[in-house]
Amino acid sequence: MTPAPSTKELRSALRAELARFPQLSWRLQGLGGGAPAYVLSRLLDGLDRATLVVVADEKAAEELVVELQAFAGETGDDSFLARRVHLFAAREAPPLEMLSPSSEVEAARTATLHRLCQ
């Protein structure tokens, strides 16, 4: 039985693949608890590019953001520009109804998209 690769080996492989294929997408699955945040934080450590992480639902996204911020040494009180981990908040309004999401949600979504584009 072959031993599982270390996060250092995975990070090395990820960087090599990103150098060859800049638009690469990876799927991380089969991990529970705080493991996805830990593995992501190790894989992305020192990577000088924006990374979009997609999860199943809003609750999973909120939990992952808190965990990634903890591994990154960030707090929710840090200024927006100082943070590396951001949540693209759900709209909280059905898309086909004549309701607008709150201005706080729209501002957070816009700020996150701005940061992702930088």
C-alpha atoms as a PDB file:
ATOM      1  CA  MET A   1       0.000   0.000   0.000  1.00  0.00           C
ATOM      2  CA  THR A   2       1.387   3.379  -1.021  1.00  0.00           C
ATOM      3  CA  PRO A   3       1.426   6.051   1.697  1.00  0.00           C
ATOM      4  CA  ALA A   4      -0.667   9.178   1.115  1.00  0.00           C
ATOM      5  CA  PRO A   5       1.280  12.202  -0.085  1.00  0.00           C
ATOM      6  CA  SER A   6       2.088  14.904   2.447  1.00  0.00           C
ATOM      7  CA  THR A   7       0.585  18.376   2.133  1.00  0.00           C
ATOM      8  CA  LYS A   8       4.051  19.612   1.172  1.00  0.00           C
ATOM      9  CA  GLU A   9       4.121  17.152  -1.752  1.00  0.00           C
ATOM     10  CA  LEU A  10       0.574  18.105  -2.736  1.00  0.00           C
ATOM     11  CA  ARG A  11       1.446  21.813  -2.614  1.00  0.00           C
ATOM     12  CA  SER A  12       4.438  21.168  -4.852  1.00  0.00           C
ATOM     13  CA  ALA A  13       2.283  19.228  -7.309  1.00  0.00           C
ATOM     14  CA  LEU A  14      -0.394  21.961  -7.264  1.00  0.00           C
ATOM     15  CA  ARG A  15       2.136  24.685  -8.038  1.00  0.00           C
ATOM     16  CA  ALA A  16       3.604  22.635 -10.891  1.00  0.00           C
ATOM     17  CA  GLU A  17       0.122  22.071 -12.343  1.00  0.00           C
ATOM     18  CA  LEU A  18      -0.820  25.753 -11.952  1.00  0.00           C
ATOM     19  CA  ALA A  19       2.361  26.748 -13.798  1.00  0.00           C
ATOM     20  CA  ARG A  20       1.362  24.484 -16.694  1.00  0.00           C
ATOM     21  CA  PHE A  21      -2.387  25.156 -16.598  1.00  0.00           C
ATOM     22  CA  PRO A  22      -3.260  28.562 -15.035  1.00  0.00           C
ATOM     23  CA  GLN A  23      -7.033  27.942 -15.209  1.00  0.00           C
ATOM     24  CA  LEU A  24      -6.788  24.609 -13.409  1.00  0.00           C
ATOM     25  CA  SER A  25      -9.586  23.506 -11.102  1.00  0.00           C
ATOM     26  CA  TRP A  26      -9.177  20.872  -8.387  1.00  0.00           C
ATOM     27  CA  ARG A  27     -11.745  18.943  -6.392  1.00  0.00           C
ATOM     28  CA  LEU A  28     -11.029  18.285  -2.729  1.00  0.00           C
ATOM     29  CA  GLN A  29     -13.346  15.655  -1.298  1.00  0.00           C
ATOM     30  CA  GLY A  30     -13.571  12.933   1.310  1.00  0.00           C
ATOM     31  CA  LEU A  31     -12.441  15.100   4.219  1.00  0.00           C
ATOM     32  CA  GLY A  32     -14.511  15.901   7.286  1.00  0.00           C
ATOM     33  CA  GLY A  33     -14.500  18.353  10.162  1.00  0.00           C
ATOM     34  CA  GLY A  34     -11.773  20.983   9.949  1.00  0.00           C
ATOM     35  CA  ALA A  35      -9.643  18.905   7.557  1.00  0.00           C
ATOM     36  CA  PRO A  36     -10.734  20.691   4.352  1.00  0.00           C
ATOM     37  CA  ALA A  37      -9.752  24.080   5.793  1.00  0.00           C
ATOM     38  CA  TYR A  38      -6.440  22.719   7.056  1.00  0.00           C
ATOM     39  CA  VAL A  39      -5.549  21.085   3.738  1.00  0.00           C
ATOM     40  CA  LEU A  40      -6.611  24.165   1.751  1.00  0.00           C
ATOM     41  CA  SER A  41      -4.624  26.487   4.003  1.00  0.00           C
ATOM     42  CA  ARG A  42      -1.524  24.287   3.567  1.00  0.00           C
ATOM     43  CA  LEU A  43      -1.957  23.933  -0.198  1.00  0.00           C
ATOM     44  CA  LEU A  44      -2.561  27.637  -0.776  1.00  0.00           C
ATOM     45  CA  ASP A  45       0.073  28.935   1.658  1.00  0.00           C
ATOM     46  CA  GLY A  46       2.342  31.339  -0.200  1.00  0.00           C
ATOM     47  CA  LEU A  47       0.431  31.054  -3.470  1.00  0.00           C
ATOM     48  CA  ASP A  48       0.345  34.514  -5.071  1.00  0.00           C
ATOM     49  CA  ARG A  49      -2.998  34.266  -6.802  1.00  0.00           C
ATOM     50  CA  ALA A  50      -6.659  34.486  -5.955  1.00  0.00           C
ATOM     51  CA  THR A  51      -8.403  31.205  -5.350  1.00  0.00           C
ATOM     52  CA  LEU A  52     -12.131  30.610  -5.490  1.00  0.00           C
ATOM     53  CA  VAL A  53     -13.438  27.793  -3.288  1.00  0.00           C
ATOM     54  CA  VAL A  54     -16.951  26.515  -3.981  1.00  0.00           C
ATOM     55  CA  VAL A  55     -18.863  24.545  -1.348  1.00  0.00           C
ATOM     56  CA  ALA A  56     -22.307  22.936  -1.202  1.00  0.00           C
ATOM     57  CA  ASP A  57     -24.278  25.572   0.709  1.00  0.00           C
ATOM     58  CA  GLU A  58     -24.169  28.807   2.686  1.00  0.00           C
ATOM     59  CA  LYS A  59     -23.666  27.109   6.062  1.00  0.00           C
ATOM     60  CA  ALA A  60     -20.678  25.135   4.746  1.00  0.00           C
ATOM     61  CA  ALA A  61     -19.251  28.326   3.241  1.00  0.00           C
ATOM     62  CA  GLU A  62     -19.557  30.255   6.500  1.00  0.00           C
ATOM     63  CA  GLU A  63     -17.903  27.441   8.466  1.00  0.00           C
ATOM     64  CA  LEU A  64     -15.075  27.120   5.948  1.00  0.00           C
ATOM     65  CA  VAL A  65     -14.416  30.867   5.992  1.00  0.00           C
ATOM     66  CA  VAL A  66     -14.143  30.902   9.797  1.00  0.00           C
ATOM     67  CA  GLU A  67     -11.767  27.920   9.739  1.00  0.00           C
ATOM     68  CA  LEU A  68      -9.624  29.326   6.894  1.00  0.00           C
ATOM     69  CA  GLN A  69      -9.408  32.684   8.673  1.00  0.00           C
ATOM     70  CA  ALA A  70      -8.227  30.911  11.822  1.00  0.00           C
ATOM     71  CA  PHE A  71      -5.502  29.041   9.905  1.00  0.00           C
ATOM     72  CA  ALA A  72      -4.512  32.304   8.181  1.00  0.00           C
ATOM     73  CA  GLY A  73      -4.323  34.135  11.519  1.00  0.00           C
ATOM     74  CA  GLU A  74      -7.138  36.488  10.556  1.00  0.00           C
ATOM     75  CA  THR A  75     -10.126  37.653  12.544  1.00  0.00           C
ATOM     76  CA  GLY A  76     -13.479  39.001  11.469  1.00  0.00           C
ATOM     77  CA  ASP A  77     -12.376  42.337  12.926  1.00  0.00           C
ATOM     78  CA  ASP A  78      -9.495  42.734  10.471  1.00  0.00           C
ATOM     79  CA  SER A  79     -10.045  45.385   7.830  1.00  0.00           C
ATOM     80  CA  PHE A  80     -11.360  44.209   4.499  1.00  0.00           C
ATOM     81  CA  LEU A  81      -8.108  44.948   2.673  1.00  0.00           C
ATOM     82  CA  ALA A  82      -6.017  43.192   5.329  1.00  0.00           C
ATOM     83  CA  ARG A  83      -7.946  39.906   5.010  1.00  0.00           C
ATOM     84  CA  ARG A  84      -7.092  37.185   2.517  1.00  0.00           C
ATOM     85  CA  VAL A  85     -10.190  35.069   3.182  1.00  0.00           C
ATOM     86  CA  HIS A  86     -13.585  36.446   2.145  1.00  0.00           C
ATOM     87  CA  LEU A  87     -17.125  35.100   2.011  1.00  0.00           C
ATOM     88  CA  PHE A  88     -19.230  35.690  -1.081  1.00  0.00           C
ATOM     89  CA  ALA A  89     -22.483  36.050   0.829  1.00  0.00           C
ATOM     90  CA  ALA A  90     -25.766  34.635  -0.423  1.00  0.00           C
ATOM     91  CA  ARG A  91     -28.194  37.221  -1.822  1.00  0.00           C
ATOM     92  CA  GLU A  92     -30.877  36.410   0.779  1.00  0.00           C
ATOM     93  CA  ALA A  93     -33.551  37.346  -1.772  1.00  0.00           C
ATOM     94  CA  PRO A  94     -35.063  34.999  -4.342  1.00  0.00           C
ATOM     95  CA  PRO A  95     -33.743  35.935  -7.796  1.00  0.00           C
ATOM     96  CA  LEU A  96     -37.135  36.226  -9.535  1.00  0.00           C
ATOM     97  CA  GLU A  97     -38.975  38.145  -6.838  1.00  0.00           C
ATOM     98  CA  MET A  98     -39.129  41.915  -6.639  1.00  0.00           C
ATOM     99  CA  LEU A  99     -37.096  41.958  -3.416  1.00  0.00           C
ATOM    100  CA  SER A 100     -33.641  43.428  -3.077  1.00  0.00           C
ATOM    101  CA  PRO A 101     -31.034  41.997  -0.741  1.00  0.00           C
ATOM    102  CA  SER A 102     -29.894  44.193   2.117  1.00  0.00           C
ATOM    103  CA  SER A 103     -27.334  46.876   1.342  1.00  0.00           C
ATOM    104  CA  GLU A 104     -24.859  45.153   3.709  1.00  0.00           C
ATOM    105  CA  VAL A 105     -25.089  41.893   1.746  1.00  0.00           C
ATOM    106  CA  GLU A 106     -24.700  43.692  -1.598  1.00  0.00           C
ATOM    107  CA  ALA A 107     -21.719  45.669  -0.276  1.00  0.00           C
ATOM    108  CA  ALA A 108     -20.045  42.495   1.016  1.00  0.00           C
ATOM    109  CA  ARG A 109     -20.635  40.699  -2.294  1.00  0.00           C
ATOM    110  CA  THR A 110     -19.262  43.622  -4.306  1.00  0.00           C
ATOM    111  CA  ALA A 111     -16.232  43.956  -2.040  1.00  0.00           C
ATOM    112  CA  THR A 112     -15.489  40.234  -2.313  1.00  0.00           C
ATOM    113  CA  LEU A 113     -15.706  40.326  -6.117  1.00  0.00           C
ATOM    114  CA  HIS A 114     -13.426  43.376  -6.155  1.00  0.00           C
ATOM    115  CA  ARG A 115     -10.861  41.587  -3.992  1.00  0.00           C
ATOM    116  CA  LEU A 116     -11.066  38.435  -6.146  1.00  0.00           C
ATOM    117  CA  CYS A 117     -10.383  40.483  -9.292  1.00  0.00           C
ATOM    118  CA  GLN A 118      -7.276  42.067  -7.812  1.00  0.00           C
END
